[in-house]
Every structure is written in structure tokens, then in C-alpha cells.
Protein backbone atom coordinates (compact mmCIF):
# COMPACT_ATOMS: atom_id res chain seq x y z
CA UNK A 1 115.74 93.49 147.80
CA UNK A 2 113.18 92.23 145.26
CA UNK A 3 113.92 93.21 141.66
CA UNK A 4 111.12 95.37 140.26
CA UNK A 5 112.12 95.54 136.58
CA UNK A 6 110.00 93.37 134.33
CA UNK A 7 112.09 92.12 131.41
CA UNK A 8 111.09 90.37 128.20
CA UNK A 9 111.07 86.62 129.07
CA UNK A 10 112.73 85.76 125.76
CA UNK A 11 115.80 86.64 123.72
CA UNK A 12 115.84 87.88 120.14
CA UNK A 13 117.07 85.40 117.53
CA UNK A 14 116.01 87.06 114.25
CA UNK A 15 115.62 90.75 113.45
CA UNK A 16 113.90 92.81 110.77
CA UNK A 17 115.26 96.28 109.92
CA UNK A 18 113.07 99.37 110.24
CA UNK A 19 113.16 102.20 107.71
CA UNK A 20 113.39 105.76 109.01
CA UNK A 21 111.42 108.45 107.17
CA UNK A 22 111.35 112.22 107.34
CA UNK A 23 108.31 114.29 108.26
CA UNK A 24 108.08 115.54 104.66
CA UNK A 25 108.11 111.97 103.36
CA UNK A 26 105.39 110.97 105.82
CA UNK A 27 103.19 113.87 104.75
CA UNK A 28 103.37 112.70 101.14
CA UNK A 29 102.66 109.12 102.21
CA UNK A 30 99.58 110.26 104.17
CA UNK A 31 98.27 112.28 101.22
CA UNK A 32 98.68 109.35 98.82
CA UNK A 33 96.90 107.05 101.31
CA UNK A 34 93.92 109.38 101.57
CA UNK A 35 94.71 110.00 105.25
CA UNK A 36 93.78 106.39 106.01
CA UNK A 37 96.56 104.53 107.79
CA UNK A 38 95.28 101.19 106.49
CA UNK A 39 96.40 102.46 103.08
CA UNK A 40 100.00 103.13 104.18
CA UNK A 41 102.58 100.53 103.15
CA UNK A 42 104.11 98.69 106.09
CA UNK A 43 107.61 99.55 104.88
CA UNK A 44 106.76 103.23 105.43
CA UNK A 45 105.87 102.66 109.10
CA UNK A 46 108.47 102.87 111.85
CA UNK A 47 106.47 101.52 114.83
CA UNK A 48 103.39 99.61 113.67
CA UNK A 49 100.66 99.62 116.32
CA UNK A 50 97.75 99.41 113.88
CA UNK A 51 96.68 96.04 115.29
CA UNK A 52 97.82 93.16 117.46
CA UNK A 53 96.08 90.75 115.05
CA UNK A 54 98.48 88.49 113.18
CA UNK A 55 101.47 90.65 114.06
CA UNK A 56 103.04 88.46 116.78
CA UNK A 57 106.59 87.16 116.59
CA UNK A 58 106.55 83.37 116.57
CA UNK A 59 108.89 81.32 118.74
CA UNK A 60 111.58 78.88 117.65
CA UNK A 61 109.28 76.00 118.60
CA UNK A 62 106.48 77.44 116.50
CA UNK A 63 108.82 77.73 113.51
CA UNK A 64 109.92 74.14 114.12
CA UNK A 65 106.24 73.20 113.99
CA UNK A 66 105.96 74.96 110.63
CA UNK A 67 108.60 72.61 109.25
CA UNK A 68 106.94 69.60 110.88
CA UNK A 69 103.42 70.38 109.61
CA UNK A 70 101.49 67.54 108.00
CA UNK A 71 99.98 68.85 104.77
CA UNK A 72 97.66 65.90 104.11
CA UNK A 73 94.29 67.03 102.75
CA UNK A 74 92.23 64.93 105.17
CA UNK A 75 93.07 63.60 108.63
CA UNK A 76 96.41 65.38 108.97
CA UNK A 77 98.42 64.73 112.12
CA UNK A 78 98.72 68.48 112.65
CA UNK A 79 94.93 68.84 112.91
CA UNK A 80 94.69 66.21 115.62
CA UNK A 81 97.39 67.91 117.66
CA UNK A 82 95.57 71.22 117.25
CA UNK A 83 92.21 69.65 118.15
CA UNK A 84 93.66 68.04 121.29
CA UNK A 85 95.20 71.30 122.52
CA UNK A 86 91.98 73.28 121.96
CA UNK A 87 89.78 70.61 123.57
CA UNK A 88 92.01 70.42 126.65
CA UNK A 89 91.86 74.21 126.96
CA UNK A 90 88.20 74.87 126.20
CA UNK A 91 86.40 71.63 126.96
CA UNK A 92 84.22 72.01 123.84
CA UNK A 93 83.36 68.86 121.89
CA UNK A 94 83.61 70.11 118.30
CA UNK A 95 86.65 72.09 117.09
CA UNK A 96 86.27 73.60 113.63
CA UNK A 97 89.39 75.36 112.25
CA UNK A 98 89.03 78.48 110.09
CA UNK A 99 91.50 80.74 108.35
CA UNK A 100 90.82 83.51 110.92
CA UNK A 101 88.30 84.65 113.52
CA UNK A 102 85.95 86.50 111.17
CA UNK A 103 85.44 83.27 109.21
CA UNK A 104 84.33 81.56 112.42
CA UNK A 105 81.94 84.49 113.03
CA UNK A 106 80.62 84.24 109.48
CA UNK A 107 79.76 80.56 109.96
CA UNK A 108 78.23 81.09 113.40
CA UNK A 109 75.97 83.96 112.35
CA UNK A 110 75.03 82.27 109.08
CA UNK A 111 73.53 79.57 111.31
CA UNK A 112 72.24 81.67 114.22
CA UNK A 113 71.63 85.12 112.75
CA UNK A 114 69.00 86.41 110.35
CA UNK A 115 66.37 89.09 109.96
CA UNK A 116 64.46 89.93 113.12
CA UNK A 117 67.15 88.52 115.42
CA UNK A 118 69.03 90.49 118.10
CA UNK A 119 72.47 89.47 119.34
CA UNK A 120 73.74 91.21 122.51
CA UNK A 121 77.37 91.48 123.58
CA UNK A 122 79.31 93.46 126.15
CA UNK A 123 80.69 95.23 123.03
CA UNK A 124 80.85 93.90 119.50
CA UNK A 125 84.05 94.70 117.63
CA UNK A 126 84.07 95.60 113.95
CA UNK A 127 83.99 92.27 112.10
CA UNK A 128 81.67 90.67 114.65
CA UNK A 129 79.17 93.49 114.22
CA UNK A 130 79.52 93.37 110.43
CA UNK A 131 78.93 89.61 110.24
CA UNK A 132 75.83 89.95 112.42
CA UNK A 133 74.45 92.82 110.35
CA UNK A 134 75.19 91.08 107.03
CA UNK A 135 73.04 88.18 108.27
CA UNK A 136 70.18 90.64 108.79
CA UNK A 137 70.33 90.57 112.59
CA UNK A 138 70.85 93.49 114.96
CA UNK A 139 74.04 93.76 117.06
CA UNK A 140 73.44 95.34 120.49
CA UNK A 141 76.19 96.54 122.85
CA UNK A 142 75.54 96.31 126.60
CA UNK A 143 78.71 97.59 128.32
CA UNK A 144 78.65 98.64 131.96
CA UNK A 145 78.30 102.40 132.34
CA UNK A 146 81.79 102.65 133.88
CA UNK A 147 83.28 101.54 130.55
CA UNK A 148 82.27 104.83 128.93
CA UNK A 149 84.36 107.02 131.26
CA UNK A 150 88.00 106.72 130.10
CA UNK A 151 89.49 108.40 133.20
CA UNK A 152 87.68 106.16 135.71
CA UNK A 153 89.92 103.54 137.31
CA UNK A 154 88.03 100.31 137.99
CA UNK A 155 89.10 96.69 137.71
CA UNK A 156 86.62 95.14 135.27
CA UNK A 157 85.35 97.85 132.94
CA UNK A 158 84.92 95.24 130.20
CA UNK A 159 81.93 93.65 131.96
CA UNK A 160 78.46 93.36 130.47
CA UNK A 161 75.55 95.26 132.02
CA UNK A 162 73.64 92.24 133.33
CA UNK A 163 70.56 94.25 134.29
CA UNK A 164 70.33 95.56 130.73
CA UNK A 165 70.85 92.05 129.37
CA UNK A 166 68.05 90.63 131.50
CA UNK A 167 65.75 93.47 130.40
CA UNK A 168 66.52 92.72 126.75
CA UNK A 169 65.96 88.96 127.20
CA UNK A 170 62.61 89.59 128.89
CA UNK A 171 61.58 91.91 126.08
CA UNK A 172 62.78 89.79 123.14
CA UNK A 173 62.77 86.21 124.41
CA UNK A 174 64.33 83.10 122.87
CA UNK A 175 62.56 83.64 119.56
CA UNK A 176 64.45 86.86 118.83
CA UNK A 177 67.73 86.33 120.76
CA UNK A 178 69.44 83.26 119.27
CA UNK A 179 72.61 83.65 121.36
CA UNK A 180 74.46 86.00 123.69
CA UNK A 181 78.12 86.91 123.06
CA UNK A 182 80.82 88.00 125.49
CA UNK A 183 84.09 89.50 124.20
CA UNK A 184 87.13 88.85 126.43
CA UNK A 185 88.95 91.15 126.73
CA UNK A 186 86.58 93.89 125.55
CA UNK A 187 88.41 95.38 122.55
CA UNK A 188 85.87 98.11 121.74
CA UNK A 189 86.07 99.23 125.39
CA UNK A 190 89.84 99.72 125.45
CA UNK A 191 90.83 96.10 125.99
CA UNK A 192 89.28 96.07 129.45
CA UNK A 193 88.86 92.65 131.12
CA UNK A 194 85.69 90.80 132.07
CA UNK A 195 85.44 89.31 135.54
CA UNK A 196 84.80 85.63 136.18
CA UNK A 197 81.79 86.67 138.24
CA UNK A 198 80.29 88.51 135.28
CA UNK A 199 80.91 85.58 132.92
CA UNK A 200 79.26 83.24 135.42
CA UNK A 201 76.21 85.45 135.92
CA UNK A 202 75.68 85.94 132.18
CA UNK A 203 75.93 82.17 131.73
CA UNK A 204 73.36 81.54 134.45
CA UNK A 205 70.99 84.10 132.94
CA UNK A 206 71.34 82.58 129.47
CA UNK A 207 70.64 79.10 130.79
CA UNK A 208 67.54 80.30 132.61
CA UNK A 209 66.23 81.49 129.22
CA UNK A 210 67.67 78.43 127.39
CA UNK A 211 69.71 80.72 125.13
CA UNK A 212 73.21 79.65 124.03
CA UNK A 213 76.13 81.66 125.42
CA UNK A 214 79.25 82.18 123.29
CA UNK A 215 82.62 83.73 124.11
CA UNK A 216 84.69 85.74 121.63
CA UNK A 217 87.97 84.34 122.93
CA UNK A 218 90.58 86.29 120.91
CA UNK A 219 92.37 87.47 124.07
CA UNK A 220 91.29 84.80 126.54
CA UNK A 221 94.73 84.43 128.15
CA UNK A 222 95.11 88.14 128.83
CA UNK A 223 91.62 88.16 130.35
CA UNK A 224 92.48 85.17 132.54
CA UNK A 225 95.60 86.98 133.78
CA UNK A 226 93.51 89.98 134.86
CA UNK A 227 91.14 87.63 136.68
CA UNK A 228 94.10 86.01 138.44
CA UNK A 229 95.60 89.32 139.53
CA UNK A 230 92.44 91.35 140.26
CA UNK A 231 89.55 89.09 141.22
CA UNK A 232 89.23 87.95 144.87
CA UNK A 233 89.91 84.27 145.40
CA UNK A 234 91.72 83.73 142.09
CA UNK A 235 95.32 84.64 142.91
CA UNK A 236 96.42 81.12 143.81
CA UNK A 237 95.06 79.52 140.67
CA UNK A 238 96.90 79.08 137.37
CA UNK A 239 95.97 81.05 134.28
CA UNK A 240 95.21 77.75 132.52
CA UNK A 241 92.74 76.76 135.24
CA UNK A 242 91.04 80.15 135.09
CA UNK A 243 90.80 80.02 131.28
CA UNK A 244 89.27 76.56 131.50
CA UNK A 245 86.70 77.84 133.99
CA UNK A 246 85.83 80.77 131.71
CA UNK A 247 85.13 78.38 128.83
CA UNK A 248 83.16 76.00 131.07
CA UNK A 249 80.37 78.59 131.41
CA UNK A 250 79.84 78.84 127.63
CA UNK A 251 78.21 76.71 124.95
CA UNK A 252 80.83 77.59 122.39
CA UNK A 253 83.34 80.20 121.28
CA UNK A 254 84.89 81.92 118.30
CA UNK A 255 88.57 82.73 118.25
CA UNK A 256 91.05 84.58 116.11
CA UNK A 257 94.36 82.84 116.73
CA UNK A 258 96.06 85.97 115.43
CA UNK A 259 95.84 87.41 118.94
CA UNK A 260 96.38 85.04 121.87
CA UNK A 261 97.15 82.16 119.53
CA UNK A 262 100.47 83.92 118.81
CA UNK A 263 100.23 83.14 115.10
CA UNK A 264 100.00 85.17 111.92
CA UNK A 265 96.91 83.40 110.58
CA UNK A 266 94.24 81.07 111.94
CA UNK A 267 91.07 80.81 113.98
CA UNK A 268 88.40 78.37 115.07
CA UNK A 269 84.77 77.87 115.98
CA UNK A 270 84.17 75.58 118.97
CA UNK A 271 80.78 74.10 119.81
CA UNK A 272 79.08 71.55 122.04
CA UNK A 273 75.87 71.14 120.04
CA UNK A 274 76.09 68.22 117.56
CA UNK A 275 73.50 69.64 115.14
CA UNK A 276 75.11 73.06 114.99
CA UNK A 277 78.51 71.48 114.48
CA UNK A 278 77.23 69.51 111.49
CA UNK A 279 75.77 72.66 109.91
CA UNK A 280 79.01 74.54 110.61
CA UNK A 281 81.11 71.86 108.93
CA UNK A 282 78.82 71.92 105.89
CA UNK A 283 79.39 75.67 105.53
CA UNK A 284 83.12 75.19 106.25
CA UNK A 285 83.54 72.77 103.36
CA UNK A 286 81.91 75.22 100.94
CA UNK A 287 83.75 78.35 102.12
CA UNK A 288 86.97 77.35 103.90
CA UNK A 289 88.01 73.76 103.29
CA UNK A 290 87.80 70.21 104.60
CA UNK A 291 86.96 69.95 108.35
CA UNK A 292 90.48 68.83 109.29
CA UNK A 293 92.18 71.89 107.83
CA UNK A 294 89.48 74.56 107.46
CA UNK A 295 91.39 77.05 105.34
CA UNK A 296 94.75 76.50 107.07
CA UNK A 297 97.87 74.64 106.04
CA UNK A 298 99.11 71.91 108.38
CA UNK A 299 102.06 74.11 109.30
CA UNK A 300 99.66 76.82 110.48
CA UNK A 301 97.78 74.32 112.68
CA UNK A 302 101.08 73.20 114.26
CA UNK A 303 102.16 76.77 115.00
CA UNK A 304 98.69 77.60 116.36
CA UNK A 305 98.67 74.61 118.71
CA UNK A 306 102.11 75.56 120.02
CA UNK A 307 101.07 79.20 120.43
CA UNK A 308 98.07 78.23 122.57
CA UNK A 309 100.48 76.44 124.91
CA UNK A 310 102.99 79.31 125.04
CA UNK A 311 100.43 82.07 125.64
CA UNK A 312 99.53 80.51 129.00
CA UNK A 313 103.08 80.93 130.30
CA UNK A 314 102.70 83.23 133.30
CA UNK A 315 106.12 84.83 132.94
CA UNK A 316 105.09 85.86 129.43
CA UNK A 317 101.71 87.21 130.57
CA UNK A 318 103.26 89.14 133.45
CA UNK A 319 105.62 90.85 130.99
CA UNK A 320 102.88 91.39 128.39
CA UNK A 321 100.41 93.10 130.71
CA UNK A 322 103.10 95.10 132.50
CA UNK A 323 104.58 96.40 129.23
CA UNK A 324 101.22 97.93 128.26
CA UNK A 325 100.72 99.40 131.75
CA UNK A 326 104.21 100.94 131.52
CA UNK A 327 103.20 103.04 128.50
CA UNK A 328 99.88 104.08 130.06
CA UNK A 329 101.63 105.19 133.25
CA UNK A 330 104.25 107.20 131.34
CA UNK A 331 101.60 108.98 129.27
CA UNK A 332 99.40 109.62 132.28
CA UNK A 333 102.38 111.21 134.04
CA UNK A 334 102.74 113.60 131.07
CA UNK A 335 99.08 114.56 131.38
CA UNK A 336 98.08 112.81 128.16
CA UNK A 337 94.43 111.65 128.38
CA UNK A 338 94.53 107.85 128.24
CA UNK A 339 91.95 105.20 128.95
CA UNK A 340 92.53 103.85 132.46
CA UNK A 341 93.35 101.40 133.83
CA UNK A 342 95.65 99.85 131.24
CA UNK A 343 94.11 97.04 129.24
CA UNK A 344 95.79 93.89 128.01
CA UNK A 345 96.76 94.39 124.39
CA UNK A 346 96.78 98.10 123.65
CA UNK A 347 97.09 101.67 124.85
CA UNK A 348 94.00 103.75 124.09
CA UNK A 349 94.24 107.54 123.78
CA UNK A 350 91.11 109.52 124.62
CA UNK A 351 91.00 111.51 121.37
CA UNK A 352 88.03 113.65 122.44
CA UNK A 353 89.95 114.89 125.49
CA UNK A 354 93.27 115.05 123.59
CA UNK A 355 91.74 117.29 120.87
CA UNK A 356 88.85 119.10 122.58
CA UNK A 357 88.84 121.77 119.87
CA UNK A 358 87.59 119.24 117.30
CA UNK A 359 83.89 118.37 117.02
CA UNK A 360 82.94 114.72 116.61
CA UNK A 361 82.03 115.44 112.97
CA UNK A 362 85.72 116.28 112.42
CA UNK A 363 86.62 112.74 113.57
CA UNK A 364 89.15 113.54 116.31
CA UNK A 365 90.31 109.93 116.51
CA UNK A 366 91.20 109.74 112.83
CA UNK A 367 92.81 113.18 113.00
CA UNK A 368 94.92 112.14 115.99
CA UNK A 369 96.00 108.87 114.38
CA UNK A 370 97.16 110.74 111.27
CA UNK A 371 98.95 113.37 113.34
CA UNK A 372 100.79 110.66 115.29
CA UNK A 373 102.00 109.05 112.08
CA UNK A 374 103.16 112.43 110.83
CA UNK A 375 104.90 113.08 114.16
CA UNK A 376 106.96 109.91 114.39
CA UNK A 377 106.01 107.27 111.83
CA UNK A 378 103.79 105.48 114.36
CA UNK A 379 100.73 103.74 112.91
CA UNK A 380 97.68 103.38 115.16
CA UNK A 381 93.95 102.78 114.66
CA UNK A 382 90.91 104.98 115.23
CA UNK A 383 88.26 103.37 117.45
CA UNK A 384 85.58 106.02 117.34
CA UNK A 385 83.05 107.59 115.00
CA UNK A 386 84.82 106.48 111.82
CA UNK A 387 84.63 102.85 112.94
CA UNK A 388 81.33 102.91 114.85
CA UNK A 389 79.54 106.15 113.99
CA UNK A 390 76.73 106.22 111.44
CA UNK A 391 73.93 108.33 110.03
CA UNK A 392 70.34 107.55 110.87
CA UNK A 393 68.88 106.18 107.61
CA UNK A 394 65.55 107.95 108.17
CA UNK A 395 66.62 111.38 109.41
CA UNK A 396 70.20 111.56 108.15
CA UNK A 397 71.32 112.73 111.61
CA UNK A 398 74.90 111.85 112.49
CA UNK A 399 75.13 109.38 115.39
CA UNK A 400 78.64 109.44 116.87
CA UNK A 401 80.32 106.54 118.65
CA UNK A 402 80.11 106.32 122.42
CA UNK A 403 83.82 107.21 122.69
CA UNK A 404 86.47 108.75 120.44
CA UNK A 405 89.58 106.62 120.96
CA UNK A 406 92.86 105.88 119.23
CA UNK A 407 94.19 102.38 119.81
CA UNK A 408 97.90 101.64 119.86
CA UNK A 409 97.81 97.85 119.69
CA UNK A 410 101.12 96.33 120.76
CA UNK A 411 102.20 93.24 118.81
CA UNK A 412 103.21 90.30 121.00
CA UNK A 413 106.97 89.69 121.43
CA UNK A 414 107.91 92.24 118.76
CA UNK A 415 108.94 95.61 120.27
CA UNK A 416 111.25 96.42 123.17
CA UNK A 417 110.98 99.00 125.94
CA UNK A 418 113.07 101.50 123.97
CA UNK A 419 110.52 101.33 121.15
CA UNK A 420 107.80 102.09 123.68
CA UNK A 421 109.81 104.98 125.15
CA UNK A 422 110.00 106.44 121.64
CA UNK A 423 106.21 106.11 121.30
CA UNK A 424 105.70 107.90 124.62
CA UNK A 425 108.05 110.70 123.57
CA UNK A 426 106.25 111.22 120.25
CA UNK A 427 102.80 111.29 121.86
CA UNK A 428 104.02 113.68 124.56
CA UNK A 429 105.45 116.04 121.96
CA UNK A 430 102.27 115.95 119.92
CA UNK A 431 100.15 116.61 123.01
CA UNK A 432 102.18 119.75 123.71
CA UNK A 433 101.15 121.04 120.25
CA UNK A 434 97.67 119.49 120.17
CA UNK A 435 95.85 122.69 119.20
CA UNK A 436 97.59 122.62 115.82
CA UNK A 437 95.96 119.28 114.85
CA UNK A 438 93.21 119.70 112.24
CA UNK A 439 90.18 117.50 111.81
CA UNK A 440 89.38 115.39 108.75
CA UNK A 441 86.33 114.77 106.60
CA UNK A 442 85.31 111.72 104.60
CA UNK A 443 85.66 111.94 100.82
CA UNK A 444 84.68 108.37 99.98
CA UNK A 445 83.41 105.41 102.01
CA UNK A 446 82.07 101.86 101.51
CA UNK A 447 78.74 100.78 103.04
CA UNK A 448 80.35 98.40 105.58
CA UNK A 449 83.56 98.50 107.64
CA UNK A 450 84.39 101.92 106.23
CA UNK A 451 87.44 102.45 108.44
CA UNK A 452 89.44 99.97 106.36
CA UNK A 453 89.12 101.72 102.99
CA UNK A 454 87.51 105.17 103.39
CA UNK A 455 89.39 108.16 101.99
CA UNK A 456 89.78 111.43 103.97
CA UNK A 457 91.16 114.93 103.61
CA UNK A 458 92.10 117.57 106.21
CA UNK A 459 89.09 119.58 107.35
């Protein structure tokens, strides 16, 4: 009989203790943080699912690389190892290291963005959108319509609406659309994957208009696993081969290594165009550092290079994707409204369906995230109208986000199944008392990326 249990394909060598808190303590912590979980100290969190960015556990080989890092200012051995690994994976000619993904975005949009420009994506996530808008350009989301129905089960809900993209390119043309982005997996749409067919068709369309095509590759390995397991004709191919094909359709990519790089810091911008690469390196030197370190220590480059090798291990990816699906299935069995099917890096609660008594102006996602912390010390992240909603500058009318979600992003190689069972139990208990959850209102907010630092109070 075939064994069905998926176990962690690693053993634990170092541990970090967790601090238990009482409900009364957590209420005080929430009040002091202005009901914003980004303001809660990590030591006051039991299960931290705020983000999967930079929260991975590194392997023994990665830590060995930390000790072996070459800290030379220019031409360090560690950079050339990193460059070789990224080139072999992506096929791009120019590899420009940055301290994290948003720095790569900042450089890219400083070159390609600007007033009057429009940059489409299947869905921009927060820092990508902010870097585009800071440049003066407009960020446009073109998800497929299926992505906006959380309960609908379909294989590639992260895809871009190609018909809408072609309509936009016809309307705007090369003069106004400097590049097209594709986020894999689609974080703003519940970590849903993008099919190889969609990537190929977007690439073909971009080339017909002579517009560069870039991939936001934060979770490229998870996306390649979904292609391998869901897309016809891909089952017999390795994840590495599929990732290489994904990159072959693009002219460049940005990446935060804090996701599928399995490191706590690091990113890169990869390009084929010689002129763009020269401009990017000029900006890099001013803002990040010399082109062979780009804001990273040699030890970080060594760990990053090793992480890019380890993330393609198919035993790891099988466990990673299955562990997320396990939580989604358990919650679905309890009747909890979750985004389906399970994505790669996180469980997404449908806050609008979870708390139907709250209007969007009461920010059900933020209210649910706070209630979950109060329930069991679990920190999550609102992906809804706090993050993506806004007021029309002319009319002042509130424009809510397309969906009201709460993301429970699962750090890589950190928590065990018993931790996840605890999360399921807490969410199930909260769902049974969901009508008692109150909304929140904003007391104070910054002009950009307000979800990081805004202050709230119960409504």
C-alpha cells in the first residue's frame, strides 16, 4: 500500500522557543499597536503568519555558506557563484543583486516608469504598485474574472486576462506601455498559479507590440510545481526545466529572494538589454552598492545561491504545496470560507464571507486579522480594502478592493503540522463566534502603503 502521509523532508537541528500569552495580554498588545499587527512585537506572537518574506529557516548548507562568504568589496567569489546560479536558472545575461525585491522594482521603474505611462500586470502586489505609482506611472491589474470568486475551484486562477491586455495595448501602444509584468504566483489573488500557456501567450503578445515582458519571480518555484502537477504535458518534466522555460519567455525579471530564495534578505534584477543593464547598475551604485554586491554581504549572496538550488528540490516542493492544501482542506471541512483551490505560499480567508455583518467600510479583513490574533496569538495580514482600497481624489467616494481577504502566509521550513492544526482549531473556534467580531476604523494613515503603519480602533 502506498503511503499517503506527506512529511517534512528535513529534520530540525536548531529550535527557537515560543512565548505563550493570555487573551488579556493580547488585548493590551493590540490596543498599544493601534490594532495594526505590523506594530506587534514578534516576541508577542505565537504563530507568525504575517508574511512568508524573509521568514524562512535556512539549511545547514546555507549557514555553511554564510561562514564561507567572501566579503571583498569588488569581484567577490560569492557574487560569481550567485551570478552563475541565477544565469543557469533564468538565462538572463545581466544579474544585478539588490538588498531585496522592492529595491529591484525601484530601479526597474525608475528606468521604465514615469508620468503618462501604464504598466499592466495580472495583479500588482503592494510594493510593486507603490514603486510604479511613485514613478508617476499607473499600475493596472488584469486578473482573469475567475480570480475574483474565492469559492470557485479552477487550476490557474492567477492568470492574466489576455483579451483585456490586448485591448489595453491597442489603446495605449508602445509609447504609453513601457513593459508588461506577470507575478508568479499571483500573491494579490491568493497565491494562485499562472499557467505556462498564459505566460507564453502574454510573451507572444508583448513581442508583437515590441514591448518588454518582465516576470515578478518571487515564488517562481512554487509556480513551476503547479505547472508540473496541473498543466497537460508537463508532468514528466522537472521543476527546474519548467522554471527555465518560464524565464525564457521574458526579457527580464525582478525577484525577492526572501520567498523562493529561502533567505532572510536579498533580491535581484535580471535583464537581457545591455543599455538598460548599464542604467540599472548606475542607479545601483548610488542607492545599493557596487554591482558585485548590490546591498548584500558576501555571506548573503552565498546563502541566496544555495537557496535557489534547494528550492527546486521536488520533495521539498511536494511537502510545501501539500502543507498549505492541508490547512485549506481542514478549514473548508469546518465550513470556513477560504479561497480555493489552495495556493502555494499561504491560506487566504474570505473575510467578506466570514464576517458578512461587516460593511467594507468597517474593513472586515483587518477586523478578522485582529480577532484571530486575540483568539490564539496568530498574526496574519489583511489583503483587502486597507491594503488596496482608496478614496477617489475628485469625489471622495470610497473605492473598496476587489476582494476582502486575510492571508496566513506560511514561512518555509519553520512550522510543523501540529502548529497548523492549532491554527485550524483557532480559526474554527472564531468562525463559530463570528458575529461577535466588530469592525475597525482608521484613525491615522500615511499616503502610501498605509497597511504597514496605519492606526485603527474598534468600530
